[in-house]
Amino acid sequence: MRAETWWWAETTGPITERAEDGPLWVEVTATPAGLEVDPGDGAPVVSCPSGGTPYNFGASYYDQIGGSDCVHVYQQISPAYTVTVTLRWELTWVSGGPVTGAGSLPSAMTTMTFALPVGELQSVVSR
């Protein structure tokens, strides 16, 4: 609570699949084109055109504040916010063999919903 929660896509590069039937072939390439996160607490959706920046677990939290375009700060604790993450993919295709061509396809979405507990840590200074 009241600390940055970072979001990022693990897949940052394009994924290409190829199918062949005799001399004909087609390749479809899916390229990540943005991440959207509904944090589940009533706040606006967080839009992350770059797909977010991975959090460096080996570095200090304080050294990384403001280091990503894909963060949300929860203001209240909850046993389970319902978070929805959507990764948008740009799709292109190319074919070869006796019939050739290339083009774009409509964007595709991959969506995942999960429960995220948000708690609060408190420190006590004693003398």
N, C-alpha and C. Protein backbone atom coordinates (compact mmCIF):
# COMPACT_ATOMS: atom_id res chain seq x y z
N MET A 1 0.84 -1.17 0.00
CA MET A 1 0.00 0.00 0.00
C MET A 1 0.89 1.24 0.00
N ARG A 2 0.53 2.19 -0.84
CA ARG A 2 1.25 3.45 -1.00
C ARG A 2 2.69 3.26 -1.47
N ALA A 3 2.92 2.17 -2.16
CA ALA A 3 4.21 1.91 -2.81
C ALA A 3 3.90 1.49 -4.24
N GLU A 4 4.84 1.76 -5.14
CA GLU A 4 4.62 1.42 -6.53
C GLU A 4 4.48 -0.09 -6.73
N THR A 5 3.44 -0.48 -7.43
CA THR A 5 3.29 -1.86 -7.90
C THR A 5 3.62 -1.83 -9.38
N TRP A 6 4.64 -2.58 -9.78
CA TRP A 6 5.12 -2.55 -11.16
C TRP A 6 4.43 -3.64 -11.98
N TRP A 7 4.16 -3.32 -13.24
CA TRP A 7 3.59 -4.28 -14.19
C TRP A 7 4.49 -4.29 -15.43
N TRP A 8 4.72 -5.48 -16.00
CA TRP A 8 5.47 -5.57 -17.25
C TRP A 8 5.14 -6.87 -17.95
N ALA A 9 5.38 -6.88 -19.26
CA ALA A 9 5.18 -8.09 -20.07
C ALA A 9 6.49 -8.85 -20.14
N GLU A 10 6.45 -10.14 -19.83
CA GLU A 10 7.66 -10.97 -19.93
C GLU A 10 8.08 -11.14 -21.38
N THR A 11 7.12 -11.20 -22.30
CA THR A 11 7.42 -11.36 -23.72
C THR A 11 7.56 -9.99 -24.34
N THR A 12 8.77 -9.65 -24.79
CA THR A 12 8.99 -8.32 -25.36
C THR A 12 9.31 -8.38 -26.85
N GLY A 13 9.65 -9.55 -27.36
CA GLY A 13 10.01 -9.67 -28.77
C GLY A 13 8.91 -10.34 -29.56
N PRO A 14 9.02 -10.28 -30.88
CA PRO A 14 8.00 -10.92 -31.71
C PRO A 14 8.05 -12.44 -31.63
N ILE A 15 6.90 -13.05 -31.88
CA ILE A 15 6.77 -14.51 -31.94
C ILE A 15 6.28 -14.84 -33.35
N THR A 16 6.98 -15.73 -34.03
CA THR A 16 6.62 -16.10 -35.40
C THR A 16 6.31 -17.59 -35.47
N GLU A 17 5.22 -17.91 -36.14
CA GLU A 17 4.83 -19.31 -36.39
C GLU A 17 4.69 -19.50 -37.89
N ARG A 18 5.12 -20.67 -38.36
CA ARG A 18 5.08 -20.98 -39.80
C ARG A 18 4.31 -22.27 -40.02
N ALA A 19 3.49 -22.28 -41.07
CA ALA A 19 2.77 -23.49 -41.49
C ALA A 19 3.07 -23.74 -42.96
N GLU A 20 3.23 -25.00 -43.31
CA GLU A 20 3.54 -25.37 -44.69
C GLU A 20 2.60 -26.48 -45.16
N ASP A 21 2.28 -26.44 -46.45
CA ASP A 21 1.52 -27.51 -47.09
C ASP A 21 2.06 -27.63 -48.51
N GLY A 22 2.92 -28.61 -48.70
CA GLY A 22 3.58 -28.75 -50.00
C GLY A 22 4.43 -27.52 -50.27
N PRO A 23 4.27 -26.91 -51.45
CA PRO A 23 5.08 -25.74 -51.77
C PRO A 23 4.56 -24.44 -51.15
N LEU A 24 3.38 -24.48 -50.55
CA LEU A 24 2.80 -23.28 -49.95
C LEU A 24 3.24 -23.14 -48.50
N TRP A 25 3.47 -21.91 -48.07
CA TRP A 25 3.78 -21.66 -46.67
C TRP A 25 3.24 -20.28 -46.29
N VAL A 26 3.00 -20.13 -45.01
CA VAL A 26 2.58 -18.84 -44.47
C VAL A 26 3.21 -18.67 -43.10
N GLU A 27 3.64 -17.46 -42.80
CA GLU A 27 4.17 -17.12 -41.48
C GLU A 27 3.33 -15.99 -40.90
N VAL A 28 3.00 -16.12 -39.64
CA VAL A 28 2.29 -15.07 -38.90
C VAL A 28 3.19 -14.64 -37.76
N THR A 29 3.38 -13.33 -37.63
CA THR A 29 4.23 -12.78 -36.57
C THR A 29 3.37 -11.93 -35.65
N ALA A 30 3.47 -12.20 -34.37
CA ALA A 30 2.77 -11.43 -33.32
C ALA A 30 3.81 -10.63 -32.55
N THR A 31 3.63 -9.31 -32.51
CA THR A 31 4.57 -8.43 -31.82
C THR A 31 3.83 -7.73 -30.69
N PRO A 32 4.33 -7.82 -29.44
CA PRO A 32 3.68 -7.10 -28.34
C PRO A 32 3.62 -5.60 -28.64
N ALA A 33 2.45 -5.01 -28.44
CA ALA A 33 2.25 -3.61 -28.81
C ALA A 33 1.65 -2.78 -27.69
N GLY A 34 1.71 -3.25 -26.47
CA GLY A 34 1.19 -2.47 -25.36
C GLY A 34 0.51 -3.33 -24.32
N LEU A 35 0.56 -2.85 -23.11
CA LEU A 35 -0.01 -3.55 -21.96
C LEU A 35 -0.99 -2.61 -21.29
N GLU A 36 -2.13 -3.13 -20.88
CA GLU A 36 -3.10 -2.36 -20.11
C GLU A 36 -3.42 -3.13 -18.84
N VAL A 37 -3.47 -2.40 -17.73
CA VAL A 37 -3.73 -3.02 -16.43
C VAL A 37 -4.90 -2.30 -15.77
N ASP A 38 -5.95 -3.06 -15.45
CA ASP A 38 -7.03 -2.57 -14.61
C ASP A 38 -6.67 -3.02 -13.20
N PRO A 39 -6.23 -2.09 -12.32
CA PRO A 39 -5.74 -2.49 -11.01
C PRO A 39 -6.82 -3.02 -10.07
N GLY A 40 -8.09 -2.86 -10.43
CA GLY A 40 -9.16 -3.47 -9.65
C GLY A 40 -9.61 -2.69 -8.44
N ASP A 41 -9.08 -1.49 -8.25
CA ASP A 41 -9.47 -0.70 -7.09
C ASP A 41 -10.31 0.52 -7.46
N GLY A 42 -10.82 0.55 -8.69
CA GLY A 42 -11.63 1.67 -9.13
C GLY A 42 -10.83 2.77 -9.79
N ALA A 43 -9.52 2.68 -9.78
CA ALA A 43 -8.66 3.67 -10.43
C ALA A 43 -8.72 3.45 -11.95
N PRO A 44 -8.33 4.47 -12.73
CA PRO A 44 -8.31 4.30 -14.18
C PRO A 44 -7.34 3.18 -14.61
N VAL A 45 -7.61 2.64 -15.78
CA VAL A 45 -6.72 1.62 -16.35
C VAL A 45 -5.35 2.24 -16.60
N VAL A 46 -4.30 1.49 -16.27
CA VAL A 46 -2.93 1.93 -16.51
C VAL A 46 -2.55 1.47 -17.91
N SER A 47 -2.21 2.42 -18.79
CA SER A 47 -1.83 2.09 -20.16
C SER A 47 -0.32 2.16 -20.28
N CYS A 48 0.28 1.09 -20.81
CA CYS A 48 1.73 0.96 -20.87
C CYS A 48 2.14 0.65 -22.31
N PRO A 49 2.33 1.68 -23.15
CA PRO A 49 2.67 1.44 -24.55
C PRO A 49 3.95 0.63 -24.74
N SER A 50 4.90 0.78 -23.83
CA SER A 50 6.18 0.07 -23.97
C SER A 50 6.11 -1.37 -23.46
N GLY A 51 5.03 -1.73 -22.79
CA GLY A 51 4.96 -3.06 -22.18
C GLY A 51 5.51 -3.11 -20.77
N GLY A 52 5.93 -1.95 -20.26
CA GLY A 52 6.46 -1.88 -18.90
C GLY A 52 7.94 -2.19 -18.83
N THR A 53 8.53 -1.85 -17.70
CA THR A 53 9.95 -2.10 -17.43
C THR A 53 10.05 -3.15 -16.34
N PRO A 54 10.79 -4.23 -16.56
CA PRO A 54 10.92 -5.25 -15.50
C PRO A 54 11.53 -4.67 -14.23
N TYR A 55 10.98 -5.06 -13.11
CA TYR A 55 11.51 -4.65 -11.80
C TYR A 55 12.81 -5.40 -11.56
N ASN A 56 13.81 -4.70 -11.06
CA ASN A 56 15.11 -5.32 -10.75
C ASN A 56 15.09 -5.74 -9.29
N PHE A 57 14.89 -7.02 -9.04
CA PHE A 57 14.78 -7.52 -7.67
C PHE A 57 16.11 -7.46 -6.93
N GLY A 58 17.21 -7.24 -7.64
CA GLY A 58 18.52 -7.13 -7.00
C GLY A 58 18.87 -5.72 -6.59
N ALA A 59 18.03 -4.76 -6.93
CA ALA A 59 18.30 -3.35 -6.60
C ALA A 59 17.34 -2.87 -5.53
N SER A 60 17.67 -1.76 -4.92
CA SER A 60 16.84 -1.15 -3.89
C SER A 60 15.54 -0.64 -4.50
N TYR A 61 14.43 -0.83 -3.78
CA TYR A 61 13.15 -0.28 -4.22
C TYR A 61 13.26 1.22 -4.41
N TYR A 62 13.90 1.91 -3.49
CA TYR A 62 13.97 3.37 -3.53
C TYR A 62 14.78 3.87 -4.72
N ASP A 63 15.74 3.08 -5.19
CA ASP A 63 16.52 3.47 -6.37
C ASP A 63 15.71 3.31 -7.65
N GLN A 64 14.59 2.61 -7.59
CA GLN A 64 13.81 2.34 -8.79
C GLN A 64 12.50 3.13 -8.87
N ILE A 65 12.18 3.91 -7.86
CA ILE A 65 10.94 4.68 -7.87
C ILE A 65 10.92 5.58 -9.11
N GLY A 66 9.83 5.52 -9.86
CA GLY A 66 9.70 6.32 -11.07
C GLY A 66 10.42 5.73 -12.26
N GLY A 67 10.91 4.51 -12.14
CA GLY A 67 11.69 3.89 -13.21
C GLY A 67 10.89 3.12 -14.24
N SER A 68 9.57 3.16 -14.15
CA SER A 68 8.74 2.44 -15.12
C SER A 68 7.54 3.30 -15.50
N ASP A 69 7.07 3.09 -16.72
CA ASP A 69 5.85 3.79 -17.16
C ASP A 69 4.60 2.98 -16.85
N CYS A 70 4.78 1.87 -16.14
CA CYS A 70 3.66 0.96 -15.92
C CYS A 70 3.57 0.60 -14.45
N VAL A 71 3.10 1.54 -13.65
CA VAL A 71 3.00 1.33 -12.20
C VAL A 71 1.63 1.79 -11.71
N HIS A 72 1.27 1.29 -10.54
CA HIS A 72 0.07 1.74 -9.86
C HIS A 72 0.37 1.78 -8.36
N VAL A 73 -0.18 2.76 -7.69
CA VAL A 73 -0.01 2.88 -6.24
C VAL A 73 -1.38 2.64 -5.60
N TYR A 74 -1.49 1.53 -4.87
CA TYR A 74 -2.72 1.22 -4.15
C TYR A 74 -2.78 2.07 -2.89
N GLN A 75 -3.96 2.64 -2.61
CA GLN A 75 -4.13 3.53 -1.48
C GLN A 75 -4.75 2.84 -0.27
N GLN A 76 -5.31 1.65 -0.47
CA GLN A 76 -5.95 0.92 0.63
C GLN A 76 -5.56 -0.55 0.57
N ILE A 77 -5.52 -1.17 1.73
CA ILE A 77 -5.24 -2.60 1.77
C ILE A 77 -6.49 -3.37 1.33
N SER A 78 -6.27 -4.58 0.86
CA SER A 78 -7.38 -5.44 0.46
C SER A 78 -6.89 -6.88 0.44
N PRO A 79 -7.73 -7.82 0.86
CA PRO A 79 -7.32 -9.21 0.77
C PRO A 79 -7.22 -9.69 -0.67
N ALA A 80 -7.91 -9.01 -1.60
CA ALA A 80 -7.85 -9.46 -3.00
C ALA A 80 -8.48 -8.43 -3.94
N TYR A 81 -7.65 -7.59 -4.54
CA TYR A 81 -8.11 -6.77 -5.66
C TYR A 81 -8.17 -7.67 -6.88
N THR A 82 -9.20 -7.52 -7.71
CA THR A 82 -9.29 -8.30 -8.94
C THR A 82 -8.61 -7.50 -10.05
N VAL A 83 -7.43 -7.95 -10.45
CA VAL A 83 -6.61 -7.26 -11.45
C VAL A 83 -6.82 -7.93 -12.80
N THR A 84 -6.98 -7.11 -13.84
CA THR A 84 -7.07 -7.63 -15.21
C THR A 84 -5.95 -7.01 -16.04
N VAL A 85 -5.14 -7.87 -16.63
CA VAL A 85 -4.01 -7.44 -17.45
C VAL A 85 -4.27 -7.88 -18.89
N THR A 86 -4.13 -6.94 -19.82
CA THR A 86 -4.34 -7.25 -21.24
C THR A 86 -3.11 -6.85 -22.03
N LEU A 87 -2.57 -7.80 -22.79
CA LEU A 87 -1.45 -7.55 -23.68
C LEU A 87 -1.98 -7.52 -25.11
N ARG A 88 -1.72 -6.40 -25.80
CA ARG A 88 -2.18 -6.25 -27.19
C ARG A 88 -1.05 -6.67 -28.13
N TRP A 89 -1.41 -7.43 -29.16
CA TRP A 89 -0.46 -7.94 -30.15
C TRP A 89 -0.80 -7.36 -31.52
N GLU A 90 0.20 -6.85 -32.24
CA GLU A 90 0.06 -6.48 -33.64
C GLU A 90 0.42 -7.72 -34.46
N LEU A 91 -0.40 -8.05 -35.45
CA LEU A 91 -0.21 -9.27 -36.23
C LEU A 91 0.07 -8.95 -37.70
N THR A 92 1.09 -9.61 -38.25
CA THR A 92 1.39 -9.49 -39.68
C THR A 92 1.55 -10.90 -40.25
N TRP A 93 1.41 -11.01 -41.57
CA TRP A 93 1.56 -12.31 -42.21
C TRP A 93 2.31 -12.14 -43.52
N VAL A 94 2.95 -13.21 -43.92
CA VAL A 94 3.62 -13.28 -45.22
C VAL A 94 3.47 -14.71 -45.72
N SER A 95 3.26 -14.86 -47.03
CA SER A 95 3.12 -16.20 -47.61
C SER A 95 4.07 -16.35 -48.79
N GLY A 96 4.40 -17.60 -49.09
CA GLY A 96 5.30 -17.87 -50.20
C GLY A 96 4.94 -19.15 -50.90
N GLY A 97 5.66 -19.41 -51.97
CA GLY A 97 5.36 -20.56 -52.82
C GLY A 97 4.72 -20.06 -54.09
N PRO A 98 3.83 -20.85 -54.69
CA PRO A 98 3.17 -20.40 -55.91
C PRO A 98 2.29 -19.15 -55.69
N VAL A 99 1.82 -18.96 -54.48
CA VAL A 99 1.00 -17.79 -54.15
C VAL A 99 1.75 -17.01 -53.07
N THR A 100 2.03 -15.73 -53.35
CA THR A 100 2.76 -14.91 -52.37
C THR A 100 1.91 -13.73 -51.95
N GLY A 101 2.22 -13.21 -50.80
CA GLY A 101 1.52 -12.04 -50.30
C GLY A 101 2.01 -11.67 -48.92
N ALA A 102 1.54 -10.56 -48.42
CA ALA A 102 1.89 -10.10 -47.08
C ALA A 102 0.84 -9.09 -46.66
N GLY A 103 0.70 -8.92 -45.36
CA GLY A 103 -0.26 -7.95 -44.88
C GLY A 103 -0.37 -7.94 -43.37
N SER A 104 -1.34 -7.18 -42.92
CA SER A 104 -1.61 -7.06 -41.48
C SER A 104 -2.94 -7.73 -41.18
N LEU A 105 -3.06 -8.17 -39.96
CA LEU A 105 -4.30 -8.75 -39.45
C LEU A 105 -4.80 -7.86 -38.31
N PRO A 106 -6.06 -7.97 -37.93
CA PRO A 106 -6.53 -7.20 -36.77
C PRO A 106 -5.72 -7.56 -35.52
N SER A 107 -5.56 -6.60 -34.63
CA SER A 107 -4.84 -6.84 -33.38
C SER A 107 -5.50 -7.96 -32.59
N ALA A 108 -4.70 -8.65 -31.80
CA ALA A 108 -5.20 -9.70 -30.91
C ALA A 108 -4.90 -9.29 -29.47
N MET A 109 -5.66 -9.83 -28.55
CA MET A 109 -5.49 -9.53 -27.13
C MET A 109 -5.31 -10.82 -26.34
N THR A 110 -4.41 -10.77 -25.38
CA THR A 110 -4.27 -11.83 -24.39
C THR A 110 -4.62 -11.22 -23.05
N THR A 111 -5.61 -11.78 -22.36
CA THR A 111 -6.08 -11.20 -21.10
C THR A 111 -5.97 -12.21 -19.97
N MET A 112 -5.54 -11.72 -18.82
CA MET A 112 -5.44 -12.56 -17.63
C MET A 112 -6.04 -11.78 -16.45
N THR A 113 -6.83 -12.46 -15.63
CA THR A 113 -7.42 -11.86 -14.43
C THR A 113 -6.97 -12.68 -13.23
N PHE A 114 -6.59 -11.98 -12.16
CA PHE A 114 -6.14 -12.68 -10.95
C PHE A 114 -6.41 -11.81 -9.73
N ALA A 115 -6.38 -12.45 -8.56
CA ALA A 115 -6.57 -11.75 -7.29
C ALA A 115 -5.21 -11.31 -6.76
N LEU A 116 -5.12 -10.05 -6.35
CA LEU A 116 -3.88 -9.50 -5.82
C LEU A 116 -4.13 -8.96 -4.41
N PRO A 117 -3.57 -9.61 -3.39
CA PRO A 117 -3.69 -9.06 -2.04
C PRO A 117 -2.74 -7.88 -1.88
N VAL A 118 -3.21 -6.84 -1.23
CA VAL A 118 -2.38 -5.66 -0.95
C VAL A 118 -2.39 -5.43 0.55
N GLY A 119 -1.22 -5.44 1.12
CA GLY A 119 -1.08 -5.26 2.57
C GLY A 119 -0.28 -4.02 2.90
N GLU A 120 0.01 -3.88 4.16
CA GLU A 120 0.76 -2.73 4.65
C GLU A 120 1.79 -3.23 5.64
N LEU A 121 3.00 -2.75 5.47
CA LEU A 121 4.06 -3.03 6.44
C LEU A 121 4.28 -1.78 7.28
N GLN A 122 4.51 -1.99 8.55
CA GLN A 122 4.79 -0.87 9.44
C GLN A 122 6.08 -1.16 10.18
N SER A 123 6.82 -0.11 10.41
CA SER A 123 8.05 -0.27 11.18
C SER A 123 7.90 0.46 12.50
N VAL A 124 8.61 -0.03 13.48
CA VAL A 124 8.58 0.57 14.81
C VAL A 124 10.01 0.93 15.19
N VAL A 125 10.18 2.16 15.59
CA VAL A 125 11.50 2.62 16.05
C VAL A 125 11.48 2.60 17.57
N SER A 126 12.42 1.91 18.16
CA SER A 126 12.50 1.88 19.63
C SER A 126 13.84 2.43 20.06
N ARG A 127 13.84 2.98 21.25
CA ARG A 127 15.08 3.57 21.79
C ARG A 127 15.46 2.87 23.05
